[in-house]
Amino acid sequence: MSVKKLSLTASLVSSNVKLQWNTTNEMDVNRFTAERSTDGVKFTAIGSVASKGNGNFTYQYTDNIEALSATVVYYRIKELDLNGNIHYSATVSVSNKHLTKVTVTPNPFVSFIQVQVPSDKNETATLRIINAAGQVIYNKNVQLVTGQNSFTIDGLGNAAKGMYYFEIQKGEELSREKIMKQ
C-alpha cells in the first residue's frame, strides 16, 4: 500500500543538513532510505530508517556535509514497502552555505590576502581590488574549477592604508567584500 503522502523538508544548521519527513496514512512500509545528490540526477543512499508502523509519523535524519565540495546538495526519500515496491519523495535542495560565500582573509591585511572562491562549475572569473577612489589596483583573470578555489594575492604592501573592495566577477554574478589595509 505504501504512504498516501510523504512531505520532506531539509534545513542546514552549520555543516549538518537536518532531513525531516512526515507520512500520512503510512501502511505496510518496510523502510525509508535518505538519498543525497550533488547534481540532482545521481543519488546515493546515506542512511535508512525502519518504518514505525501504520499511521501518521515524523522521521528525521541528519547528514554532515562539511566534506562536500558542492554548493547545492539535493535530497530525496526512497520508500520501500513490504511488497518490494519502491516510491520516491519529491526532491529538495539546500545551499551549502560555507561554500557559497567568497571569503577574504586576513582582514584587515598588511601585504597579501587569501581568497576562497566556491564554484559550481569550471569557469573563468575576474579578481579585482578597487581603492576608495574607484581605481582598480589589481585585476586578474583566473580559471575556477568545480568546488572550492583558493588564491593568494600578494604584493599589496605598498598599497595605501584604508578601505578597499575585493571583487570577483563570474559571468553576470558579482561578489564584493570590503577589506581594510593596515
N, C-alpha and C. Protein backbone atom coordinates (compact mmCIF):
# COMPACT_ATOMS: atom_id res chain seq x y z
N MET A 1 0.83 -1.20 0.00
CA MET A 1 0.00 0.00 0.00
C MET A 1 0.87 1.26 0.00
N SER A 2 1.85 1.33 0.87
CA SER A 2 2.78 2.44 0.99
C SER A 2 2.18 3.64 1.70
N VAL A 3 2.64 4.84 1.33
CA VAL A 3 2.26 6.07 2.01
C VAL A 3 1.39 6.89 1.08
N LYS A 4 0.30 7.42 1.65
CA LYS A 4 -0.57 8.27 0.84
C LYS A 4 0.13 9.60 0.55
N LYS A 5 0.83 10.14 1.55
CA LYS A 5 1.52 11.41 1.36
C LYS A 5 2.81 11.39 2.17
N LEU A 6 3.91 11.85 1.54
CA LEU A 6 5.20 11.97 2.22
C LEU A 6 5.74 13.36 1.91
N SER A 7 5.89 14.19 2.94
CA SER A 7 6.43 15.54 2.72
C SER A 7 7.80 15.64 3.37
N LEU A 8 8.78 16.08 2.58
CA LEU A 8 10.18 16.15 3.00
C LEU A 8 10.63 17.59 3.09
N THR A 9 11.35 17.92 4.18
CA THR A 9 11.99 19.22 4.31
C THR A 9 13.46 19.00 4.68
N ALA A 10 14.31 19.94 4.28
CA ALA A 10 15.73 19.88 4.61
C ALA A 10 16.16 21.26 5.06
N SER A 11 16.90 21.31 6.18
CA SER A 11 17.41 22.59 6.66
C SER A 11 18.87 22.42 7.06
N LEU A 12 19.66 23.46 6.76
CA LEU A 12 21.09 23.43 7.05
C LEU A 12 21.37 24.16 8.34
N VAL A 13 22.02 23.46 9.29
CA VAL A 13 22.45 24.06 10.54
C VAL A 13 23.95 23.80 10.64
N SER A 14 24.75 24.83 10.52
CA SER A 14 26.20 24.78 10.37
C SER A 14 26.55 23.81 9.25
N SER A 15 27.17 22.68 9.52
CA SER A 15 27.53 21.75 8.44
C SER A 15 26.61 20.53 8.38
N ASN A 16 25.50 20.58 9.12
CA ASN A 16 24.59 19.44 9.16
C ASN A 16 23.26 19.77 8.48
N VAL A 17 22.83 18.87 7.60
CA VAL A 17 21.52 19.02 6.98
C VAL A 17 20.56 18.13 7.76
N LYS A 18 19.52 18.75 8.29
CA LYS A 18 18.50 18.01 9.03
C LYS A 18 17.35 17.71 8.08
N LEU A 19 17.18 16.43 7.78
CA LEU A 19 16.07 15.99 6.95
C LEU A 19 14.92 15.60 7.86
N GLN A 20 13.73 16.03 7.51
CA GLN A 20 12.55 15.61 8.26
C GLN A 20 11.46 15.31 7.26
N TRP A 21 10.81 14.15 7.44
CA TRP A 21 9.69 13.84 6.57
C TRP A 21 8.54 13.33 7.40
N ASN A 22 7.36 13.73 6.94
CA ASN A 22 6.11 13.34 7.60
C ASN A 22 5.34 12.44 6.65
N THR A 23 4.76 11.38 7.21
CA THR A 23 3.94 10.48 6.40
C THR A 23 2.48 10.59 6.83
N THR A 24 1.61 10.45 5.86
CA THR A 24 0.17 10.44 6.11
C THR A 24 -0.37 9.11 5.59
N ASN A 25 -1.13 8.42 6.43
CA ASN A 25 -1.71 7.11 6.09
C ASN A 25 -0.64 6.11 5.66
N GLU A 26 0.44 6.04 6.43
CA GLU A 26 1.50 5.07 6.14
C GLU A 26 0.98 3.67 6.44
N MET A 27 1.14 2.75 5.46
CA MET A 27 0.72 1.36 5.64
C MET A 27 1.68 0.43 4.93
N ASP A 28 2.06 -0.64 5.60
CA ASP A 28 2.87 -1.71 5.02
C ASP A 28 4.18 -1.22 4.41
N VAL A 29 4.83 -0.26 5.10
CA VAL A 29 6.12 0.23 4.65
C VAL A 29 7.21 -0.52 5.41
N ASN A 30 8.25 -0.96 4.70
CA ASN A 30 9.38 -1.64 5.32
C ASN A 30 10.35 -0.61 5.89
N ARG A 31 10.88 0.28 5.01
CA ARG A 31 11.87 1.26 5.46
C ARG A 31 11.93 2.46 4.52
N PHE A 32 12.56 3.50 5.04
CA PHE A 32 12.81 4.71 4.28
C PHE A 32 14.32 4.88 4.18
N THR A 33 14.80 5.23 2.98
CA THR A 33 16.23 5.47 2.79
C THR A 33 16.43 6.92 2.35
N ALA A 34 17.26 7.65 3.10
CA ALA A 34 17.61 9.02 2.71
C ALA A 34 18.67 8.93 1.63
N GLU A 35 18.48 9.68 0.54
CA GLU A 35 19.43 9.69 -0.57
C GLU A 35 19.90 11.12 -0.82
N ARG A 36 21.20 11.24 -1.16
CA ARG A 36 21.82 12.54 -1.41
C ARG A 36 22.40 12.59 -2.82
N SER A 37 22.39 13.79 -3.41
CA SER A 37 22.98 14.00 -4.72
C SER A 37 23.63 15.38 -4.75
N THR A 38 24.71 15.49 -5.50
CA THR A 38 25.33 16.81 -5.68
C THR A 38 25.00 17.41 -7.05
N ASP A 39 24.32 16.62 -7.91
CA ASP A 39 23.94 17.15 -9.22
C ASP A 39 22.44 17.08 -9.48
N GLY A 40 21.67 16.53 -8.54
CA GLY A 40 20.23 16.42 -8.71
C GLY A 40 19.80 15.27 -9.60
N VAL A 41 20.76 14.47 -10.09
CA VAL A 41 20.48 13.37 -11.02
C VAL A 41 20.86 12.02 -10.41
N LYS A 42 22.13 11.90 -10.02
CA LYS A 42 22.63 10.65 -9.44
C LYS A 42 22.54 10.72 -7.92
N PHE A 43 21.73 9.85 -7.33
CA PHE A 43 21.53 9.84 -5.88
C PHE A 43 22.23 8.64 -5.25
N THR A 44 22.74 8.84 -4.03
CA THR A 44 23.42 7.80 -3.26
C THR A 44 22.74 7.68 -1.91
N ALA A 45 22.53 6.45 -1.45
CA ALA A 45 21.94 6.22 -0.13
C ALA A 45 22.92 6.69 0.94
N ILE A 46 22.42 7.43 1.93
CA ILE A 46 23.27 7.91 3.02
C ILE A 46 22.82 7.36 4.37
N GLY A 47 21.66 6.73 4.43
CA GLY A 47 21.17 6.17 5.68
C GLY A 47 19.74 5.73 5.53
N SER A 48 19.31 4.83 6.43
CA SER A 48 17.92 4.39 6.34
C SER A 48 17.29 4.29 7.72
N VAL A 49 15.97 4.35 7.73
CA VAL A 49 15.18 4.32 8.95
C VAL A 49 14.06 3.32 8.74
N ALA A 50 13.85 2.44 9.73
CA ALA A 50 12.76 1.47 9.64
C ALA A 50 11.42 2.17 9.82
N SER A 51 10.38 1.64 9.19
CA SER A 51 9.04 2.18 9.34
C SER A 51 8.60 2.06 10.79
N LYS A 52 7.81 3.02 11.25
CA LYS A 52 7.28 2.99 12.61
C LYS A 52 5.97 2.22 12.68
N GLY A 53 5.49 1.75 11.52
CA GLY A 53 4.23 1.00 11.51
C GLY A 53 3.20 1.66 10.63
N ASN A 54 1.93 1.43 10.93
CA ASN A 54 0.85 2.01 10.15
C ASN A 54 0.31 3.24 10.86
N GLY A 55 0.14 4.34 10.10
CA GLY A 55 -0.37 5.58 10.68
C GLY A 55 0.31 6.80 10.10
N ASN A 56 0.34 7.88 10.89
CA ASN A 56 0.96 9.15 10.51
C ASN A 56 2.18 9.35 11.39
N PHE A 57 3.36 9.54 10.78
CA PHE A 57 4.58 9.62 11.57
C PHE A 57 5.50 10.72 11.06
N THR A 58 6.46 11.08 11.93
CA THR A 58 7.52 12.02 11.59
C THR A 58 8.85 11.29 11.75
N TYR A 59 9.72 11.45 10.74
CA TYR A 59 11.05 10.83 10.75
C TYR A 59 12.10 11.91 10.59
N GLN A 60 13.31 11.62 11.09
CA GLN A 60 14.41 12.57 10.95
C GLN A 60 15.69 11.84 10.63
N TYR A 61 16.55 12.53 9.88
CA TYR A 61 17.88 12.02 9.58
C TYR A 61 18.79 13.22 9.44
N THR A 62 20.01 13.15 9.98
CA THR A 62 20.97 14.26 9.89
C THR A 62 22.16 13.83 9.04
N ASP A 63 22.54 14.70 8.10
CA ASP A 63 23.65 14.44 7.18
C ASP A 63 24.70 15.52 7.34
N ASN A 64 25.94 15.13 7.68
CA ASN A 64 27.03 16.10 7.78
C ASN A 64 27.65 16.29 6.39
N ILE A 65 27.62 17.53 5.89
CA ILE A 65 28.10 17.81 4.53
C ILE A 65 29.37 18.65 4.53
N GLU A 66 30.07 18.70 5.65
CA GLU A 66 31.27 19.53 5.76
C GLU A 66 32.32 19.18 4.69
N ALA A 67 32.44 17.90 4.35
CA ALA A 67 33.47 17.47 3.40
C ALA A 67 33.05 17.62 1.93
N LEU A 68 31.79 17.97 1.68
CA LEU A 68 31.31 18.07 0.29
C LEU A 68 31.78 19.37 -0.35
N SER A 69 32.11 19.29 -1.65
CA SER A 69 32.54 20.49 -2.38
C SER A 69 31.41 21.10 -3.22
N ALA A 70 30.22 20.50 -3.19
CA ALA A 70 29.10 21.02 -3.98
C ALA A 70 28.48 22.23 -3.28
N THR A 71 28.06 23.22 -4.06
CA THR A 71 27.43 24.40 -3.49
C THR A 71 25.94 24.17 -3.24
N VAL A 72 25.33 23.19 -3.93
CA VAL A 72 23.95 22.81 -3.68
C VAL A 72 23.91 21.30 -3.50
N VAL A 73 23.16 20.85 -2.48
CA VAL A 73 23.02 19.42 -2.20
C VAL A 73 21.53 19.07 -2.27
N TYR A 74 21.23 17.96 -2.95
CA TYR A 74 19.85 17.52 -3.18
C TYR A 74 19.55 16.28 -2.35
N TYR A 75 18.30 16.19 -1.89
CA TYR A 75 17.88 15.03 -1.09
C TYR A 75 16.53 14.53 -1.57
N ARG A 76 16.34 13.23 -1.36
CA ARG A 76 15.02 12.63 -1.56
C ARG A 76 14.93 11.42 -0.63
N ILE A 77 13.72 10.95 -0.42
CA ILE A 77 13.48 9.78 0.42
C ILE A 77 12.96 8.66 -0.47
N LYS A 78 13.62 7.52 -0.37
CA LYS A 78 13.20 6.31 -1.08
C LYS A 78 12.39 5.46 -0.10
N GLU A 79 11.18 5.14 -0.48
CA GLU A 79 10.30 4.35 0.36
C GLU A 79 10.18 2.94 -0.22
N LEU A 80 10.47 1.95 0.61
CA LEU A 80 10.36 0.54 0.22
C LEU A 80 9.22 -0.07 1.00
N ASP A 81 8.18 -0.57 0.30
CA ASP A 81 7.08 -1.18 1.04
C ASP A 81 7.30 -2.68 1.22
N LEU A 82 6.43 -3.31 1.97
CA LEU A 82 6.60 -4.73 2.31
C LEU A 82 6.52 -5.65 1.09
N ASN A 83 5.90 -5.19 0.00
CA ASN A 83 5.79 -5.98 -1.23
C ASN A 83 6.99 -5.78 -2.15
N GLY A 84 7.98 -4.96 -1.73
CA GLY A 84 9.15 -4.72 -2.56
C GLY A 84 9.00 -3.56 -3.52
N ASN A 85 7.86 -2.87 -3.49
CA ASN A 85 7.66 -1.71 -4.36
C ASN A 85 8.43 -0.50 -3.82
N ILE A 86 8.94 0.31 -4.74
CA ILE A 86 9.73 1.49 -4.37
C ILE A 86 9.02 2.74 -4.84
N HIS A 87 8.98 3.75 -3.96
CA HIS A 87 8.42 5.06 -4.28
C HIS A 87 9.41 6.10 -3.79
N TYR A 88 9.41 7.27 -4.47
CA TYR A 88 10.33 8.34 -4.09
C TYR A 88 9.56 9.60 -3.70
N SER A 89 10.11 10.33 -2.74
CA SER A 89 9.54 11.63 -2.38
C SER A 89 9.94 12.65 -3.45
N ALA A 90 9.39 13.84 -3.34
CA ALA A 90 9.87 14.94 -4.16
C ALA A 90 11.31 15.26 -3.71
N THR A 91 12.11 15.82 -4.61
CA THR A 91 13.50 16.19 -4.30
C THR A 91 13.52 17.59 -3.70
N VAL A 92 14.31 17.76 -2.64
CA VAL A 92 14.51 19.08 -2.04
C VAL A 92 16.00 19.40 -2.10
N SER A 93 16.36 20.67 -1.97
CA SER A 93 17.77 21.05 -2.02
C SER A 93 18.10 22.05 -0.93
N VAL A 94 19.39 22.08 -0.57
CA VAL A 94 19.90 23.09 0.36
C VAL A 94 21.15 23.69 -0.25
N SER A 95 21.39 24.96 0.05
CA SER A 95 22.63 25.61 -0.36
C SER A 95 23.67 25.33 0.70
N ASN A 96 24.83 24.89 0.26
CA ASN A 96 25.93 24.58 1.16
C ASN A 96 26.59 25.92 1.51
N LYS A 97 26.06 26.59 2.53
CA LYS A 97 26.40 27.98 2.85
C LYS A 97 27.90 28.22 3.01
N HIS A 98 28.62 27.30 3.64
CA HIS A 98 30.04 27.58 3.83
C HIS A 98 30.81 27.55 2.51
N LEU A 99 30.16 27.11 1.43
CA LEU A 99 30.81 27.12 0.13
C LEU A 99 30.28 28.19 -0.81
N THR A 100 29.14 28.79 -0.48
CA THR A 100 28.55 29.74 -1.43
C THR A 100 29.09 31.16 -1.23
N LYS A 101 29.85 31.38 -0.18
CA LYS A 101 30.33 32.71 0.10
C LYS A 101 31.83 32.82 -0.21
N VAL A 102 32.19 33.93 -0.83
CA VAL A 102 33.59 34.24 -1.07
C VAL A 102 34.16 34.74 0.25
N THR A 103 35.31 34.23 0.66
CA THR A 103 35.95 34.72 1.89
C THR A 103 37.32 35.30 1.56
N VAL A 104 37.64 36.38 2.25
CA VAL A 104 38.91 37.07 2.06
C VAL A 104 39.56 37.20 3.44
N THR A 105 40.77 36.65 3.60
CA THR A 105 41.50 36.74 4.86
C THR A 105 42.96 37.05 4.58
N PRO A 106 43.73 37.64 5.45
CA PRO A 106 43.22 38.28 6.68
C PRO A 106 42.54 39.61 6.35
N ASN A 107 41.71 40.05 7.21
CA ASN A 107 41.01 41.33 7.02
C ASN A 107 40.88 41.97 8.39
N PRO A 108 41.65 43.01 8.69
CA PRO A 108 42.50 43.79 7.79
C PRO A 108 43.78 43.06 7.38
N PHE A 109 44.35 43.48 6.23
CA PHE A 109 45.54 42.84 5.69
C PHE A 109 46.72 43.81 5.73
N VAL A 110 47.93 43.24 5.58
CA VAL A 110 49.15 44.06 5.56
C VAL A 110 49.77 44.04 4.17
N SER A 111 50.08 42.81 3.65
CA SER A 111 50.77 42.77 2.35
C SER A 111 50.16 41.76 1.38
N PHE A 112 49.24 40.90 1.86
CA PHE A 112 48.61 39.92 0.98
C PHE A 112 47.22 39.58 1.49
N ILE A 113 46.41 39.00 0.60
CA ILE A 113 45.12 38.43 1.01
C ILE A 113 45.01 37.03 0.44
N GLN A 114 44.29 36.20 1.14
CA GLN A 114 43.98 34.83 0.71
C GLN A 114 42.49 34.83 0.38
N VAL A 115 42.13 34.36 -0.82
CA VAL A 115 40.75 34.39 -1.28
C VAL A 115 40.25 32.96 -1.47
N GLN A 116 39.11 32.64 -0.88
CA GLN A 116 38.43 31.35 -1.09
C GLN A 116 37.20 31.61 -1.94
N VAL A 117 37.11 30.93 -3.08
CA VAL A 117 36.03 31.17 -4.02
C VAL A 117 35.35 29.84 -4.37
N PRO A 118 34.07 29.67 -4.03
CA PRO A 118 33.37 28.46 -4.44
C PRO A 118 32.88 28.59 -5.88
N SER A 119 32.76 27.46 -6.55
CA SER A 119 32.20 27.47 -7.90
C SER A 119 31.47 26.16 -8.14
N ASP A 120 30.32 26.24 -8.78
CA ASP A 120 29.56 25.02 -9.07
C ASP A 120 29.89 24.47 -10.46
N LYS A 121 30.86 25.11 -11.15
CA LYS A 121 31.29 24.59 -12.46
C LYS A 121 32.67 25.15 -12.80
N ASN A 122 33.29 24.59 -13.82
CA ASN A 122 34.55 25.15 -14.33
C ASN A 122 34.21 26.42 -15.10
N GLU A 123 34.82 27.52 -14.71
CA GLU A 123 34.51 28.80 -15.37
C GLU A 123 35.65 29.78 -15.14
N THR A 124 35.65 30.84 -15.95
CA THR A 124 36.62 31.91 -15.80
C THR A 124 36.02 33.00 -14.92
N ALA A 125 36.86 33.59 -14.09
CA ALA A 125 36.41 34.69 -13.23
C ALA A 125 37.47 35.78 -13.25
N THR A 126 37.06 36.98 -12.87
CA THR A 126 37.98 38.11 -12.77
C THR A 126 38.05 38.55 -11.32
N LEU A 127 39.29 38.63 -10.79
CA LEU A 127 39.53 39.12 -9.44
C LEU A 127 40.00 40.57 -9.55
N ARG A 128 39.42 41.45 -8.69
CA ARG A 128 39.80 42.86 -8.71
C ARG A 128 39.90 43.40 -7.28
N ILE A 129 40.82 44.33 -7.09
CA ILE A 129 40.85 45.11 -5.86
C ILE A 129 40.72 46.56 -6.28
N ILE A 130 39.78 47.26 -5.64
CA ILE A 130 39.45 48.64 -6.02
C ILE A 130 39.63 49.52 -4.79
N ASN A 131 40.32 50.65 -4.98
CA ASN A 131 40.52 51.56 -3.84
C ASN A 131 39.29 52.44 -3.62
N ALA A 132 39.33 53.24 -2.56
CA ALA A 132 38.18 54.08 -2.19
C ALA A 132 37.82 55.09 -3.27
N ALA A 133 38.80 55.45 -4.12
CA ALA A 133 38.55 56.41 -5.20
C ALA A 133 37.95 55.73 -6.44
N GLY A 134 37.78 54.39 -6.38
CA GLY A 134 37.21 53.66 -7.51
C GLY A 134 38.23 53.18 -8.52
N GLN A 135 39.52 53.33 -8.22
CA GLN A 135 40.57 52.89 -9.14
C GLN A 135 40.88 51.41 -8.90
N VAL A 136 41.03 50.68 -10.00
CA VAL A 136 41.38 49.27 -9.91
C VAL A 136 42.89 49.16 -9.69
N ILE A 137 43.29 48.60 -8.54
CA ILE A 137 44.73 48.47 -8.25
C ILE A 137 45.22 47.04 -8.50
N TYR A 138 44.28 46.10 -8.70
CA TYR A 138 44.65 44.71 -9.02
C TYR A 138 43.54 44.15 -9.90
N ASN A 139 43.93 43.47 -10.98
CA ASN A 139 42.95 42.90 -11.90
C ASN A 139 43.57 41.65 -12.52
N LYS A 140 42.92 40.50 -12.34
CA LYS A 140 43.47 39.26 -12.89
C LYS A 140 42.34 38.30 -13.24
N ASN A 141 42.44 37.68 -14.43
CA ASN A 141 41.51 36.62 -14.80
C ASN A 141 42.06 35.29 -14.28
N VAL A 142 41.17 34.47 -13.71
CA VAL A 142 41.57 33.17 -13.17
C VAL A 142 40.60 32.11 -13.67
N GLN A 143 41.06 30.88 -13.67
CA GLN A 143 40.22 29.74 -14.05
C GLN A 143 39.74 29.06 -12.77
N LEU A 144 38.42 29.00 -12.58
CA LEU A 144 37.85 28.30 -11.43
C LEU A 144 37.52 26.87 -11.81
N VAL A 145 37.63 25.98 -10.84
CA VAL A 145 37.21 24.59 -11.03
C VAL A 145 36.02 24.33 -10.11
N THR A 146 35.29 23.26 -10.38
CA THR A 146 34.15 22.90 -9.54
C THR A 146 34.62 22.64 -8.12
N GLY A 147 33.96 23.27 -7.16
CA GLY A 147 34.33 23.11 -5.76
C GLY A 147 34.93 24.39 -5.22
N GLN A 148 35.83 24.24 -4.24
CA GLN A 148 36.44 25.38 -3.58
C GLN A 148 37.76 25.74 -4.26
N ASN A 149 37.96 27.03 -4.55
CA ASN A 149 39.17 27.54 -5.18
C ASN A 149 39.87 28.48 -4.21
N SER A 150 41.19 28.50 -4.24
CA SER A 150 41.95 29.33 -3.33
C SER A 150 43.01 30.11 -4.10
N PHE A 151 43.10 31.41 -3.83
CA PHE A 151 44.08 32.27 -4.50
C PHE A 151 44.75 33.15 -3.47
N THR A 152 46.03 33.40 -3.66
CA THR A 152 46.75 34.36 -2.84
C THR A 152 47.09 35.56 -3.72
N ILE A 153 46.75 36.73 -3.23
CA ILE A 153 47.10 37.97 -3.93
C ILE A 153 48.11 38.67 -3.03
N ASP A 154 49.38 38.72 -3.50
CA ASP A 154 50.41 39.35 -2.69
C ASP A 154 50.91 40.62 -3.38
N GLY A 155 51.93 41.23 -2.80
CA GLY A 155 52.45 42.47 -3.36
C GLY A 155 51.60 43.67 -3.01
N LEU A 156 50.80 43.56 -1.94
CA LEU A 156 49.91 44.66 -1.56
C LEU A 156 50.51 45.53 -0.46
N GLY A 157 51.78 45.27 -0.09
CA GLY A 157 52.43 46.02 0.99
C GLY A 157 52.57 47.50 0.70
N ASN A 158 52.66 47.88 -0.57
CA ASN A 158 52.83 49.29 -0.92
C ASN A 158 51.51 50.04 -1.06
N ALA A 159 50.38 49.32 -0.98
CA ALA A 159 49.08 50.00 -1.09
C ALA A 159 48.88 50.90 0.11
N ALA A 160 48.19 52.03 -0.10
CA ALA A 160 47.93 52.97 0.99
C ALA A 160 46.99 52.33 2.02
N LYS A 161 47.14 52.74 3.27
CA LYS A 161 46.25 52.25 4.33
C LYS A 161 44.85 52.77 4.06
N GLY A 162 43.85 51.95 4.40
CA GLY A 162 42.48 52.39 4.22
C GLY A 162 41.58 51.28 3.72
N MET A 163 40.39 51.67 3.26
CA MET A 163 39.39 50.71 2.82
C MET A 163 39.52 50.42 1.32
N TYR A 164 39.33 49.16 0.97
CA TYR A 164 39.32 48.70 -0.41
C TYR A 164 38.13 47.77 -0.60
N TYR A 165 37.85 47.48 -1.85
CA TYR A 165 36.85 46.45 -2.18
C TYR A 165 37.55 45.34 -2.95
N PHE A 166 37.28 44.11 -2.53
CA PHE A 166 37.70 42.96 -3.32
C PHE A 166 36.47 42.53 -4.10
N GLU A 167 36.63 42.36 -5.42
CA GLU A 167 35.52 41.92 -6.27
C GLU A 167 35.90 40.67 -7.03
N ILE A 168 34.92 39.81 -7.21
CA ILE A 168 35.08 38.68 -8.13
C ILE A 168 33.86 38.67 -9.04
N GLN A 169 34.14 38.60 -10.33
CA GLN A 169 33.09 38.58 -11.36
C GLN A 169 33.09 37.20 -12.01
N LYS A 170 31.96 36.49 -11.87
CA LYS A 170 31.76 35.19 -12.54
C LYS A 170 30.56 35.35 -13.45
N GLY A 171 30.79 35.47 -14.74
CA GLY A 171 29.67 35.70 -15.66
C GLY A 171 28.95 36.97 -15.28
N GLU A 172 27.64 36.88 -15.03
CA GLU A 172 26.84 38.04 -14.63
C GLU A 172 26.89 38.28 -13.12
N GLU A 173 27.45 37.32 -12.38
CA GLU A 173 27.43 37.38 -10.92
C GLU A 173 28.65 38.15 -10.40
N LEU A 174 28.40 39.16 -9.58
CA LEU A 174 29.46 39.97 -8.99
C LEU A 174 29.38 39.87 -7.47
N SER A 175 30.48 39.47 -6.83
CA SER A 175 30.56 39.46 -5.37
C SER A 175 31.55 40.52 -4.96
N ARG A 176 31.23 41.24 -3.88
CA ARG A 176 32.10 42.32 -3.42
C ARG A 176 32.23 42.23 -1.90
N GLU A 177 33.48 42.33 -1.43
CA GLU A 177 33.78 42.30 0.00
C GLU A 177 34.59 43.55 0.34
N LYS A 178 34.28 44.19 1.48
CA LYS A 178 35.10 45.30 1.96
C LYS A 178 36.30 44.72 2.66
N ILE A 179 37.47 45.26 2.35
CA ILE A 179 38.70 44.84 3.03
C ILE A 179 39.45 46.09 3.48
N MET A 180 40.24 45.94 4.55
CA MET A 180 40.99 47.07 5.09
C MET A 180 42.48 46.79 5.02
N LYS A 181 43.24 47.81 4.62
CA LYS A 181 44.71 47.74 4.60
C LYS A 181 45.21 48.40 5.88
N GLN A 182 46.04 47.69 6.64
CA GLN A 182 46.60 48.26 7.88
C GLN A 182 47.82 49.09 7.59
